[in-house]
PDB file of N, CA and C in Angstrom:
ATOM      1  N   UNK A   1     -16.731  16.876  -2.151  1.00  0.00           N
ATOM      2  CA  UNK A   1     -15.559  16.063  -2.457  1.00  0.00           C
ATOM      3  C   UNK A   1     -16.024  14.691  -2.941  1.00  0.00           C
ATOM      4  N   UNK A   2     -15.538  14.260  -4.065  1.00  0.00           N
ATOM      5  CA  UNK A   2     -15.796  12.913  -4.546  1.00  0.00           C
ATOM      6  C   UNK A   2     -14.909  11.950  -3.772  1.00  0.00           C
ATOM      7  N   UNK A   3     -15.031  10.685  -4.080  1.00  0.00           N
ATOM      8  CA  UNK A   3     -14.183   9.712  -3.397  1.00  0.00           C
ATOM      9  C   UNK A   3     -12.737   9.897  -3.808  1.00  0.00           C
ATOM     10  N   UNK A   4     -11.853   9.863  -2.821  1.00  0.00           N
ATOM     11  CA  UNK A   4     -10.413   9.860  -3.066  1.00  0.00           C
ATOM     12  C   UNK A   4      -9.855   8.591  -2.455  1.00  0.00           C
ATOM     13  N   UNK A   5      -8.846   8.054  -3.107  1.00  0.00           N
ATOM     14  CA  UNK A   5      -8.198   6.851  -2.587  1.00  0.00           C
ATOM     15  C   UNK A   5      -6.708   6.960  -2.875  1.00  0.00           C
ATOM     16  N   UNK A   6      -5.888   6.538  -1.929  1.00  0.00           N
ATOM     17  CA  UNK A   6      -4.452   6.493  -2.146  1.00  0.00           C
ATOM     18  C   UNK A   6      -3.868   5.360  -1.332  1.00  0.00           C
ATOM     19  N   UNK A   7      -2.614   5.019  -1.642  1.00  0.00           N
ATOM     20  CA  UNK A   7      -1.985   3.899  -0.947  1.00  0.00           C
ATOM     21  C   UNK A   7      -0.555   4.213  -0.598  1.00  0.00           C
ATOM     22  N   UNK A   8      -0.072   3.483   0.413  1.00  0.00           N
ATOM     23  CA  UNK A   8       1.276   3.675   0.950  1.00  0.00           C
ATOM     24  C   UNK A   8       1.920   2.330   1.241  1.00  0.00           C
ATOM     25  N   UNK A   9       3.220   2.266   1.050  1.00  0.00           N
ATOM     26  CA  UNK A   9       4.008   1.114   1.478  1.00  0.00           C
ATOM     27  C   UNK A   9       4.954   1.629   2.554  1.00  0.00           C
ATOM     28  N   UNK A  10       4.973   0.928   3.710  1.00  0.00           N
ATOM     29  CA  UNK A  10       5.839   1.327   4.817  1.00  0.00           C
ATOM     30  C   UNK A  10       6.634   0.133   5.321  1.00  0.00           C
ATOM     31  N   UNK A  11       7.804   0.438   5.871  1.00  0.00           N
ATOM     32  CA  UNK A  11       8.589  -0.582   6.553  1.00  0.00           C
ATOM     33  C   UNK A  11       7.907  -0.851   7.886  1.00  0.00           C
ATOM     34  N   UNK A  12       7.509  -2.086   8.114  1.00  0.00           N
ATOM     35  CA  UNK A  12       6.733  -2.443   9.291  1.00  0.00           C
ATOM     36  C   UNK A  12       7.484  -2.286  10.602  1.00  0.00           C
ATOM     37  N   UNK A  13       8.796  -2.343  10.582  1.00  0.00           N
ATOM     38  CA  UNK A  13       9.588  -2.258  11.815  1.00  0.00           C
ATOM     39  C   UNK A  13       9.851  -0.804  12.203  1.00  0.00           C
ATOM     40  N   UNK A  14      10.301   0.004  11.256  1.00  0.00           N
ATOM     41  CA  UNK A  14      10.668   1.386  11.569  1.00  0.00           C
ATOM     42  C   UNK A  14       9.561   2.390  11.271  1.00  0.00           C
ATOM     43  N   UNK A  15       8.560   1.988  10.477  1.00  0.00           N
ATOM     44  CA  UNK A  15       7.505   2.908  10.083  1.00  0.00           C
ATOM     45  C   UNK A  15       7.910   3.833   8.942  1.00  0.00           C
ATOM     46  N   UNK A  16       9.080   3.627   8.416  1.00  0.00           N
ATOM     47  CA  UNK A  16       9.591   4.471   7.325  1.00  0.00           C
ATOM     48  C   UNK A  16       8.740   4.300   6.062  1.00  0.00           C
ATOM     49  N   UNK A  17       8.311   5.424   5.481  1.00  0.00           N
ATOM     50  CA  UNK A  17       7.543   5.380   4.245  1.00  0.00           C
ATOM     51  C   UNK A  17       8.431   5.053   3.067  1.00  0.00           C
ATOM     52  N   UNK A  18       7.975   4.137   2.228  1.00  0.00           N
ATOM     53  CA  UNK A  18       8.746   3.726   1.057  1.00  0.00           C
ATOM     54  C   UNK A  18       8.101   4.167  -0.253  1.00  0.00           C
ATOM     55  N   UNK A  19       6.786   4.228  -0.290  1.00  0.00           N
ATOM     56  CA  UNK A  19       6.059   4.665  -1.490  1.00  0.00           C
ATOM     57  C   UNK A  19       4.712   5.218  -1.054  1.00  0.00           C
ATOM     58  N   UNK A  20       4.257   6.255  -1.766  1.00  0.00           N
ATOM     59  CA  UNK A  20       3.004   6.900  -1.393  1.00  0.00           C
ATOM     60  C   UNK A  20       2.366   7.468  -2.663  1.00  0.00           C
ATOM     61  N   UNK A  21       1.219   6.933  -3.035  1.00  0.00           N
ATOM     62  CA  UNK A  21       0.588   7.379  -4.282  1.00  0.00           C
ATOM     63  C   UNK A  21       0.033   8.799  -4.184  1.00  0.00           C
ATOM     64  N   UNK A  22      -0.108   9.316  -2.989  1.00  0.00           N
ATOM     65  CA  UNK A  22      -0.619  10.682  -2.832  1.00  0.00           C
ATOM     66  C   UNK A  22       0.470  11.722  -3.110  1.00  0.00           C
ATOM     67  N   UNK A  23       1.717  11.373  -2.828  1.00  0.00           N
ATOM     68  CA  UNK A  23       2.809  12.339  -2.987  1.00  0.00           C
ATOM     69  C   UNK A  23       3.776  11.991  -4.118  1.00  0.00           C
ATOM     70  N   UNK A  24       3.796  10.755  -4.572  1.00  0.00           N
ATOM     71  CA  UNK A  24       4.688  10.327  -5.652  1.00  0.00           C
ATOM     72  C   UNK A  24       3.930  10.422  -6.979  1.00  0.00           C
ATOM     73  N   UNK A  25       4.173  11.483  -7.729  1.00  0.00           N
ATOM     74  CA  UNK A  25       3.388  11.802  -8.927  1.00  0.00           C
ATOM     75  C   UNK A  25       3.394  10.687  -9.976  1.00  0.00           C
ATOM     76  N   UNK A  26       4.483   9.968 -10.109  1.00  0.00           N
ATOM     77  CA  UNK A  26       4.587   8.943 -11.149  1.00  0.00           C
ATOM     78  C   UNK A  26       3.962   7.609 -10.734  1.00  0.00           C
ATOM     79  N   UNK A  27       3.746   7.415  -9.455  1.00  0.00           N
ATOM     80  CA  UNK A  27       3.269   6.133  -8.947  1.00  0.00           C
ATOM     81  C   UNK A  27       1.782   5.945  -9.240  1.00  0.00           C
ATOM     82  N   UNK A  28       1.445   4.767  -9.727  1.00  0.00           N
ATOM     83  CA  UNK A  28       0.045   4.381  -9.846  1.00  0.00           C
ATOM     84  C   UNK A  28      -0.080   2.936  -9.371  1.00  0.00           C
ATOM     85  N   UNK A  29      -1.283   2.577  -8.970  1.00  0.00           N
ATOM     86  CA  UNK A  29      -1.481   1.229  -8.458  1.00  0.00           C
ATOM     87  C   UNK A  29      -2.883   0.739  -8.785  1.00  0.00           C
ATOM     88  N   UNK A  30      -3.012  -0.572  -8.762  1.00  0.00           N
ATOM     89  CA  UNK A  30      -4.302  -1.231  -8.902  1.00  0.00           C
ATOM     90  C   UNK A  30      -4.453  -2.166  -7.715  1.00  0.00           C
ATOM     91  N   UNK A  31      -5.617  -2.153  -7.108  1.00  0.00           N
ATOM     92  CA  UNK A  31      -5.928  -2.982  -5.953  1.00  0.00           C
ATOM     93  C   UNK A  31      -6.963  -4.021  -6.368  1.00  0.00           C
ATOM     94  N   UNK A  32      -6.704  -5.291  -5.997  1.00  0.00           N
ATOM     95  CA  UNK A  32      -7.656  -6.357  -6.306  1.00  0.00           C
ATOM     96  C   UNK A  32      -7.749  -7.322  -5.135  1.00  0.00           C
ATOM     97  N   UNK A  33      -8.949  -7.794  -4.869  1.00  0.00           N
ATOM     98  CA  UNK A  33      -9.112  -8.932  -3.963  1.00  0.00           C
ATOM     99  C   UNK A  33      -8.841 -10.162  -4.799  1.00  0.00           C
ATOM    100  N   UNK A  34      -8.099 -11.118  -4.209  1.00  0.00           N
ATOM    101  CA  UNK A  34      -7.766 -12.332  -4.946  1.00  0.00           C
ATOM    102  C   UNK A  34      -7.868 -13.506  -3.980  1.00  0.00           C
ATOM    103  N   UNK A  35      -8.886 -14.339  -4.158  1.00  0.00           N
ATOM    104  CA  UNK A  35      -9.106 -15.445  -3.234  1.00  0.00           C
ATOM    105  C   UNK A  35      -9.340 -14.895  -1.840  1.00  0.00           C
ATOM    106  N   UNK A  36      -8.531 -15.350  -0.882  1.00  0.00           N
ATOM    107  CA  UNK A  36      -8.664 -14.862   0.492  1.00  0.00           C
ATOM    108  C   UNK A  36      -7.693 -13.722   0.783  1.00  0.00           C
ATOM    109  N   UNK A  37      -6.953 -13.279  -0.233  1.00  0.00           N
ATOM    110  CA  UNK A  37      -5.965 -12.218  -0.041  1.00  0.00           C
ATOM    111  C   UNK A  37      -6.210 -11.034  -0.949  1.00  0.00           C
ATOM    112  N   UNK A  38      -5.157 -10.239  -1.105  1.00  0.00           N
ATOM    113  CA  UNK A  38      -5.234  -8.989  -1.845  1.00  0.00           C
ATOM    114  C   UNK A  38      -3.958  -8.822  -2.665  1.00  0.00           C
ATOM    115  N   UNK A  39      -4.075  -8.134  -3.800  1.00  0.00           N
ATOM    116  CA  UNK A  39      -2.916  -7.880  -4.654  1.00  0.00           C
ATOM    117  C   UNK A  39      -2.879  -6.400  -5.019  1.00  0.00           C
ATOM    118  N   UNK A  40      -1.691  -5.816  -4.856  1.00  0.00           N
ATOM    119  CA  UNK A  40      -1.426  -4.457  -5.302  1.00  0.00           C
ATOM    120  C   UNK A  40      -0.453  -4.551  -6.459  1.00  0.00           C
ATOM    121  N   UNK A  41      -0.813  -3.977  -7.589  1.00  0.00           N
ATOM    122  CA  UNK A  41       0.054  -3.921  -8.757  1.00  0.00           C
ATOM    123  C   UNK A  41       0.486  -2.469  -8.901  1.00  0.00           C
ATOM    124  N   UNK A  42       1.795  -2.229  -8.791  1.00  0.00           N
ATOM    125  CA  UNK A  42       2.314  -0.870  -8.687  1.00  0.00           C
ATOM    126  C   UNK A  42       3.261  -0.586  -9.849  1.00  0.00           C
ATOM    127  N   UNK A  43       3.086   0.593 -10.461  1.00  0.00           N
ATOM    128  CA  UNK A  43       3.990   1.048 -11.518  1.00  0.00           C
ATOM    129  C   UNK A  43       4.435   2.472 -11.191  1.00  0.00           C
ATOM    130  N   UNK A  44       5.504   2.903 -11.872  1.00  0.00           N
ATOM    131  CA  UNK A  44       5.980   4.270 -11.713  1.00  0.00           C
ATOM    132  C   UNK A  44       6.973   4.468 -10.586  1.00  0.00           C
ATOM    133  N   UNK A  45       7.516   3.377 -10.056  1.00  0.00           N
ATOM    134  CA  UNK A  45       8.524   3.482  -8.992  1.00  0.00           C
ATOM    135  C   UNK A  45       9.920   3.538  -9.599  1.00  0.00           C
ATOM    136  N   UNK A  46      10.798   4.337  -9.012  1.00  0.00           N
ATOM    137  CA  UNK A  46      12.179   4.368  -9.488  1.00  0.00           C
ATOM    138  C   UNK A  46      12.915   3.122  -8.976  1.00  0.00           C
ATOM    139  N   UNK A  47      14.042   2.839  -9.608  1.00  0.00           N
ATOM    140  CA  UNK A  47      14.804   1.613  -9.294  1.00  0.00           C
ATOM    141  C   UNK A  47      15.242   1.555  -7.840  1.00  0.00           C
ATOM    142  N   UNK A  48      15.633   2.682  -7.277  1.00  0.00           N
ATOM    143  CA  UNK A  48      16.088   2.725  -5.884  1.00  0.00           C
ATOM    144  C   UNK A  48      14.943   2.362  -4.931  1.00  0.00           C
ATOM    145  N   UNK A  49      13.758   2.868  -5.184  1.00  0.00           N
ATOM    146  CA  UNK A  49      12.601   2.553  -4.342  1.00  0.00           C
ATOM    147  C   UNK A  49      12.235   1.083  -4.447  1.00  0.00           C
ATOM    148  N   UNK A  50      12.235   0.565  -5.661  1.00  0.00           N
ATOM    149  CA  UNK A  50      11.943  -0.855  -5.862  1.00  0.00           C
ATOM    150  C   UNK A  50      12.951  -1.709  -5.099  1.00  0.00           C
ATOM    151  N   UNK A  51      14.239  -1.366  -5.185  1.00  0.00           N
ATOM    152  CA  UNK A  51      15.287  -2.126  -4.490  1.00  0.00           C
ATOM    153  C   UNK A  51      15.057  -2.113  -2.975  1.00  0.00           C
ATOM    154  N   UNK A  52      14.689  -0.946  -2.412  1.00  0.00           N
ATOM    155  CA  UNK A  52      14.416  -0.863  -0.974  1.00  0.00           C
ATOM    156  C   UNK A  52      13.233  -1.740  -0.585  1.00  0.00           C
ATOM    157  N   UNK A  53      12.181  -1.686  -1.387  1.00  0.00           N
ATOM    158  CA  UNK A  53      10.995  -2.486  -1.085  1.00  0.00           C
ATOM    159  C   UNK A  53      11.313  -3.971  -1.162  1.00  0.00           C
ATOM    160  N   UNK A  54      12.028  -4.384  -2.181  1.00  0.00           N
ATOM    161  CA  UNK A  54      12.405  -5.803  -2.322  1.00  0.00           C
ATOM    162  C   UNK A  54      13.307  -6.229  -1.162  1.00  0.00           C
ATOM    163  N   UNK A  55      14.260  -5.384  -0.773  1.00  0.00           N
ATOM    164  CA  UNK A  55      15.139  -5.709   0.358  1.00  0.00           C
ATOM    165  C   UNK A  55      14.361  -5.897   1.658  1.00  0.00           C
ATOM    166  N   UNK A  56      13.278  -5.155   1.815  1.00  0.00           N
ATOM    167  CA  UNK A  56      12.497  -5.180   3.061  1.00  0.00           C
ATOM    168  C   UNK A  56      11.194  -5.969   2.925  1.00  0.00           C
ATOM    169  N   UNK A  57      11.076  -6.780   1.892  1.00  0.00           N
ATOM    170  CA  UNK A  57       9.803  -7.417   1.568  1.00  0.00           C
ATOM    171  C   UNK A  57       9.211  -8.281   2.684  1.00  0.00           C
ATOM    172  N   UNK A  58      10.032  -8.780   3.586  1.00  0.00           N
ATOM    173  CA  UNK A  58       9.520  -9.580   4.704  1.00  0.00           C
ATOM    174  C   UNK A  58       9.000  -8.707   5.844  1.00  0.00           C
ATOM    175  N   UNK A  59       9.163  -7.394   5.734  1.00  0.00           N
ATOM    176  CA  UNK A  59       8.814  -6.480   6.829  1.00  0.00           C
ATOM    177  C   UNK A  59       7.959  -5.307   6.346  1.00  0.00           C
ATOM    178  N   UNK A  60       7.072  -5.560   5.399  1.00  0.00           N
ATOM    179  CA  UNK A  60       6.278  -4.477   4.823  1.00  0.00           C
ATOM    180  C   UNK A  60       4.849  -4.471   5.328  1.00  0.00           C
ATOM    181  N   UNK A  61       4.294  -3.286   5.405  1.00  0.00           N
ATOM    182  CA  UNK A  61       2.862  -3.081   5.581  1.00  0.00           C
ATOM    183  C   UNK A  61       2.404  -2.188   4.441  1.00  0.00           C
ATOM    184  N   UNK A  62       1.195  -2.431   3.977  1.00  0.00           N
ATOM    185  CA  UNK A  62       0.591  -1.607   2.943  1.00  0.00           C
ATOM    186  C   UNK A  62      -0.678  -1.005   3.535  1.00  0.00           C
ATOM    187  N   UNK A  63      -0.900   0.250   3.214  1.00  0.00           N
ATOM    188  CA  UNK A  63      -2.090   0.957   3.677  1.00  0.00           C
ATOM    189  C   UNK A  63      -2.833   1.507   2.480  1.00  0.00           C
ATOM    190  N   UNK A  64      -4.151   1.435   2.548  1.00  0.00           N
ATOM    191  CA  UNK A  64      -5.009   2.040   1.531  1.00  0.00           C
ATOM    192  C   UNK A  64      -5.979   2.954   2.274  1.00  0.00           C
ATOM    193  N   UNK A  65      -6.043   4.187   1.838  1.00  0.00           N
ATOM    194  CA  UNK A  65      -6.899   5.196   2.472  1.00  0.00           C
ATOM    195  C   UNK A  65      -8.050   5.512   1.532  1.00  0.00           C
ATOM    196  N   UNK A  66      -9.253   5.553   2.073  1.00  0.00           N
ATOM    197  CA  UNK A  66     -10.425   5.867   1.265  1.00  0.00           C
ATOM    198  C   UNK A  66     -11.183   7.000   1.945  1.00  0.00           C
ATOM    199  N   UNK A  67     -11.332   8.099   1.210  1.00  0.00           N
ATOM    200  CA  UNK A  67     -12.071   9.261   1.712  1.00  0.00           C
ATOM    201  C   UNK A  67     -13.287   9.457   0.822  1.00  0.00           C
ATOM    202  N   UNK A  68     -14.468   9.310   1.399  1.00  0.00           N
ATOM    203  CA  UNK A  68     -15.719   9.524   0.665  1.00  0.00           C
ATOM    204  C   UNK A  68     -16.398  10.788   1.151  1.00  0.00           C
ATOM    205  N   UNK A  69     -17.148  11.386   0.281  1.00  0.00           N
ATOM    206  CA  UNK A  69     -17.872  12.614   0.605  1.00  0.00           C
ATOM    207  C   UNK A  69     -18.719  12.420   1.866  1.00  0.00           C
ATOM    208  N   UNK A  70     -18.582  13.359   2.777  1.00  0.00           N
ATOM    209  CA  UNK A  70     -19.387  13.389   4.006  1.00  0.00           C
ATOM    210  C   UNK A  70     -19.186  12.175   4.911  1.00  0.00           C
ATOM    211  N   UNK A  71     -18.050  11.516   4.803  1.00  0.00           N
ATOM    212  CA  UNK A  71     -17.735  10.375   5.666  1.00  0.00           C
ATOM    213  C   UNK A  71     -16.309  10.529   6.180  1.00  0.00           C
ATOM    214  N   UNK A  72     -16.026   9.951   7.343  1.00  0.00           N
ATOM    215  CA  UNK A  72     -14.644  10.032   7.844  1.00  0.00           C
ATOM    216  C   UNK A  72     -13.693   9.178   6.996  1.00  0.00           C
ATOM    217  N   UNK A  73     -12.438   9.543   7.052  1.00  0.00           N
ATOM    218  CA  UNK A  73     -11.401   8.785   6.364  1.00  0.00           C
ATOM    219  C   UNK A  73     -11.386   7.351   6.880  1.00  0.00           C
ATOM    220  N   UNK A  74     -11.341   6.393   5.955  1.00  0.00           N
ATOM    221  CA  UNK A  74     -11.253   4.981   6.325  1.00  0.00           C
ATOM    222  C   UNK A  74      -9.876   4.466   5.917  1.00  0.00           C
ATOM    223  N   UNK A  75      -9.221   3.773   6.832  1.00  0.00           N
ATOM    224  CA  UNK A  75      -7.879   3.252   6.598  1.00  0.00           C
ATOM    225  C   UNK A  75      -7.941   1.722   6.545  1.00  0.00           C
ATOM    226  N   UNK A  76      -7.272   1.155   5.553  1.00  0.00           N
ATOM    227  CA  UNK A  76      -7.169  -0.298   5.395  1.00  0.00           C
ATOM    228  C   UNK A  76      -5.696  -0.651   5.557  1.00  0.00           C
ATOM    229  N   UNK A  77      -5.409  -1.550   6.469  1.00  0.00           N
ATOM    230  CA  UNK A  77      -4.035  -1.949   6.786  1.00  0.00           C
ATOM    231  C   UNK A  77      -3.873  -3.395   6.352  1.00  0.00           C
ATOM    232  N   UNK A  78      -2.914  -3.647   5.465  1.00  0.00           N
ATOM    233  CA  UNK A  78      -2.698  -4.980   4.910  1.00  0.00           C
ATOM    234  C   UNK A  78      -1.366  -5.548   5.385  1.00  0.00           C
ATOM    235  N   UNK A  79      -1.392  -6.802   5.799  1.00  0.00           N
ATOM    236  CA  UNK A  79      -0.172  -7.509   6.188  1.00  0.00           C
ATOM    237  C   UNK A  79       0.369  -8.241   4.963  1.00  0.00           C
ATOM    238  N   UNK A  80       1.558  -7.863   4.572  1.00  0.00           N
ATOM    239  CA  UNK A  80       2.156  -8.344   3.327  1.00  0.00           C
ATOM    240  C   UNK A  80       2.727  -9.746   3.497  1.00  0.00           C
ATOM    241  N   UNK A  81       2.528 -10.556   2.461  1.00  0.00           N
ATOM    242  CA  UNK A  81       3.152 -11.873   2.360  1.00  0.00           C
ATOM    243  C   UNK A  81       4.488 -11.665   1.646  1.00  0.00           C
ATOM    244  N   UNK A  82       5.561 -11.506   2.428  1.00  0.00           N
ATOM    245  CA  UNK A  82       6.874 -11.156   1.883  1.00  0.00           C
ATOM    246  C   UNK A  82       7.383 -12.088   0.809  1.00  0.00           C
ATOM    247  N   UNK A  83       6.973 -13.365   0.856  1.00  0.00           N
ATOM    248  CA  UNK A  83       7.412 -14.308  -0.164  1.00  0.00           C
ATOM    249  C   UNK A  83       6.740 -14.049  -1.503  1.00  0.00           C
ATOM    250  N   UNK A  84       5.740 -13.161  -1.501  1.00  0.00           N
ATOM    251  CA  UNK A  84       4.992 -12.880  -2.725  1.00  0.00           C
ATOM    252  C   UNK A  84       5.063 -11.397  -3.101  1.00  0.00           C
ATOM    253  N   UNK A  85       6.217 -10.797  -2.862  1.00  0.00           N
ATOM    254  CA  UNK A  85       6.505  -9.447  -3.338  1.00  0.00           C
ATOM    255  C   UNK A  85       7.507  -9.627  -4.476  1.00  0.00           C
ATOM    256  N   UNK A  86       7.086  -9.256  -5.689  1.00  0.00           N
ATOM    257  CA  UNK A  86       7.927  -9.514  -6.859  1.00  0.00           C
ATOM    258  C   UNK A  86       7.976  -8.284  -7.758  1.00  0.00           C
ATOM    259  N   UNK A  87       9.060  -8.199  -8.506  1.00  0.00           N
ATOM    260  CA  UNK A  87       9.221  -7.097  -9.455  1.00  0.00           C
ATOM    261  C   UNK A  87       9.496  -7.659 -10.833  1.00  0.00           C
ATOM    262  N   UNK A  88       8.722  -7.241 -11.817  1.00  0.00           N
ATOM    263  CA  UNK A  88       8.912  -7.606 -13.211  1.00  0.00           C
ATOM    264  C   UNK A  88       9.635  -6.438 -13.880  1.00  0.00           C
ATOM    265  N   UNK A  89      10.939  -6.580 -14.098  1.00  0.00           N
ATOM    266  CA  UNK A  89      11.745  -5.473 -14.638  1.00  0.00           C
ATOM    267  C   UNK A  89      11.395  -5.153 -16.090  1.00  0.00           C
ATOM    268  N   UNK A  90      10.918  -6.132 -16.843  1.00  0.00           N
ATOM    269  CA  UNK A  90      10.525  -5.870 -18.230  1.00  0.00           C
ATOM    270  C   UNK A  90       9.291  -4.971 -18.297  1.00  0.00           C
ATOM    271  N   UNK A  91       8.363  -5.199 -17.395  1.00  0.00           N
ATOM    272  CA  UNK A  91       7.118  -4.408 -17.369  1.00  0.00           C
ATOM    273  C   UNK A  91       7.173  -3.270 -16.345  1.00  0.00           C
ATOM    274  N   UNK A  92       8.275  -3.209 -15.581  1.00  0.00           N
ATOM    275  CA  UNK A  92       8.439  -2.192 -14.530  1.00  0.00           C
ATOM    276  C   UNK A  92       7.247  -2.200 -13.577  1.00  0.00           C
ATOM    277  N   UNK A  93       6.865  -3.415 -13.153  1.00  0.00           N
ATOM    278  CA  UNK A  93       5.687  -3.605 -12.322  1.00  0.00           C
ATOM    279  C   UNK A  93       6.044  -4.367 -11.053  1.00  0.00           C
ATOM    280  N   UNK A  94       5.676  -3.785  -9.930  1.00  0.00           N
ATOM    281  CA  UNK A  94       5.849  -4.415  -8.618  1.00  0.00           C
ATOM    282  C   UNK A  94       4.516  -5.022  -8.210  1.00  0.00           C
ATOM    283  N   UNK A  95       4.534  -6.274  -7.767  1.00  0.00           N
ATOM    284  CA  UNK A  95       3.323  -6.915  -7.253  1.00  0.00           C
ATOM    285  C   UNK A  95       3.537  -7.207  -5.777  1.00  0.00           C
ATOM    286  N   UNK A  96       2.571  -6.774  -4.978  1.00  0.00           N
ATOM    287  CA  UNK A  96       2.606  -6.997  -3.537  1.00  0.00           C
ATOM    288  C   UNK A  96       1.339  -7.759  -3.159  1.00  0.00           C
ATOM    289  N   UNK A  97       1.523  -8.951  -2.621  1.00  0.00           N
ATOM    290  CA  UNK A  97       0.394  -9.767  -2.164  1.00  0.00           C
ATOM    291  C   UNK A  97       0.275  -9.605  -0.652  1.00  0.00           C
ATOM    292  N   UNK A  98      -0.946  -9.431  -0.208  1.00  0.00           N
ATOM    293  CA  UNK A  98      -1.207  -9.287   1.223  1.00  0.00           C
ATOM    294  C   UNK A  98      -2.120 -10.417   1.689  1.00  0.00           C
ATOM    295  N   UNK A  99      -1.892 -10.861   2.927  1.00  0.00           N
ATOM    296  CA  UNK A  99      -2.635 -11.985   3.476  1.00  0.00           C
ATOM    297  C   UNK A  99      -3.918 -11.571   4.184  1.00  0.00           C
ATOM    298  N   UNK A 100      -3.887 -10.421   4.847  1.00  0.00           N
ATOM    299  CA  UNK A 100      -5.045 -10.036   5.648  1.00  0.00           C
ATOM    300  C   UNK A 100      -5.177  -8.528   5.697  1.00  0.00           C
ATOM    301  N   UNK A 101      -6.339  -8.088   6.168  1.00  0.00           N
ATOM    302  CA  UNK A 101      -6.663  -6.669   6.190  1.00  0.00           C
ATOM    303  C   UNK A 101      -7.336  -6.311   7.516  1.00  0.00           C
ATOM    304  N   UNK A 102      -6.976  -5.141   8.015  1.00  0.00           N
ATOM    305  CA  UNK A 102      -7.689  -4.535   9.136  1.00  0.00           C
ATOM    306  C   UNK A 102      -8.222  -3.207   8.614  1.00  0.00           C
ATOM    307  N   UNK A 103      -9.514  -2.995   8.793  1.00  0.00           N
ATOM    308  CA  UNK A 103     -10.149  -1.769   8.326  1.00  0.00           C
ATOM    309  C   UNK A 103     -10.607  -0.970   9.543  1.00  0.00           C
ATOM    310  N   UNK A 104     -10.275   0.319   9.567  1.00  0.00           N
ATOM    311  CA  UNK A 104     -10.705   1.133  10.700  1.00  0.00           C
ATOM    312  C   UNK A 104     -10.760   2.607  10.328  1.00  0.00           C
ATOM    313  N   UNK A 105     -11.377   3.394  11.190  1.00  0.00           N
ATOM    314  CA  UNK A 105     -11.470   4.839  11.024  1.00  0.00           C
ATOM    315  C   UNK A 105     -10.515   5.473  12.045  1.00  0.00           C
ATOM    316  N   UNK A 106      -9.423   6.084  11.575  1.00  0.00           N
ATOM    317  CA  UNK A 106      -8.419   6.622  12.494  1.00  0.00           C
ATOM    318  C   UNK A 106      -8.998   7.586  13.541  1.00  0.00           C
ATOM    319  N   UNK A 107      -9.986   8.385  13.180  1.00  0.00           N
ATOM    320  CA  UNK A 107     -10.564   9.337  14.141  1.00  0.00           C
ATOM    321  C   UNK A 107     -11.148   8.641  15.373  1.00  0.00           C
ATOM    322  N   UNK A 108     -11.530   7.379  15.231  1.00  0.00           N
ATOM    323  CA  UNK A 108     -12.088   6.637  16.366  1.00  0.00           C
ATOM    324  C   UNK A 108     -11.045   6.352  17.439  1.00  0.00           C
ATOM    325  N   UNK A 109      -9.754   6.518  17.106  1.00  0.00           N
ATOM    326  CA  UNK A 109      -8.685   6.156  18.031  1.00  0.00           C
ATOM    327  C   UNK A 109      -7.924   7.362  18.586  1.00  0.00           C
ATOM    328  N   UNK A 110      -8.333   8.557  18.222  1.00  0.00           N
ATOM    329  CA  UNK A 110      -7.644   9.740  18.704  1.00  0.00           C
ATOM    330  C   UNK A 110      -8.562  10.518  19.630  1.00  0.00           C
ATOM    331  N   UNK A 111      -8.051  10.819  20.812  1.00  0.00           N
ATOM    332  CA  UNK A 111      -8.828  11.606  21.788  1.00  0.00           C
ATOM    333  C   UNK A 111      -8.586  13.094  21.543  1.00  0.00           C
ATOM    334  N   UNK A 112      -9.577  13.892  21.832  1.00  0.00           N
ATOM    335  CA  UNK A 112      -9.432  15.348  21.707  1.00  0.00           C
ATOM    336  C   UNK A 112      -8.763  15.932  22.927  1.00  0.00           C
TER     337      UNK A 112
END
């Protein structure tokens, strides 16, 4: 298996999934480190999903999953800066800025 990577946007209070690049065929994203934070540039979201994300922008978490060959799944959890979640309707692009990241391996937290 080569490296696989996908990302998810969830409502931080209820845990409800709002967008998932692994299951949403039209969704694509770009991840960048920017200064001391992070930026996700997302395209391919329908208007209803964008509206939900914008409505909940103060309560979002973003996750990035990285699976590399012969290594356990690594999860990156980003705390979103709700004041910096914006949608450009002309370019159909959602930008999500995150302030901090927690990186961990989920298998380390589950007992058999």
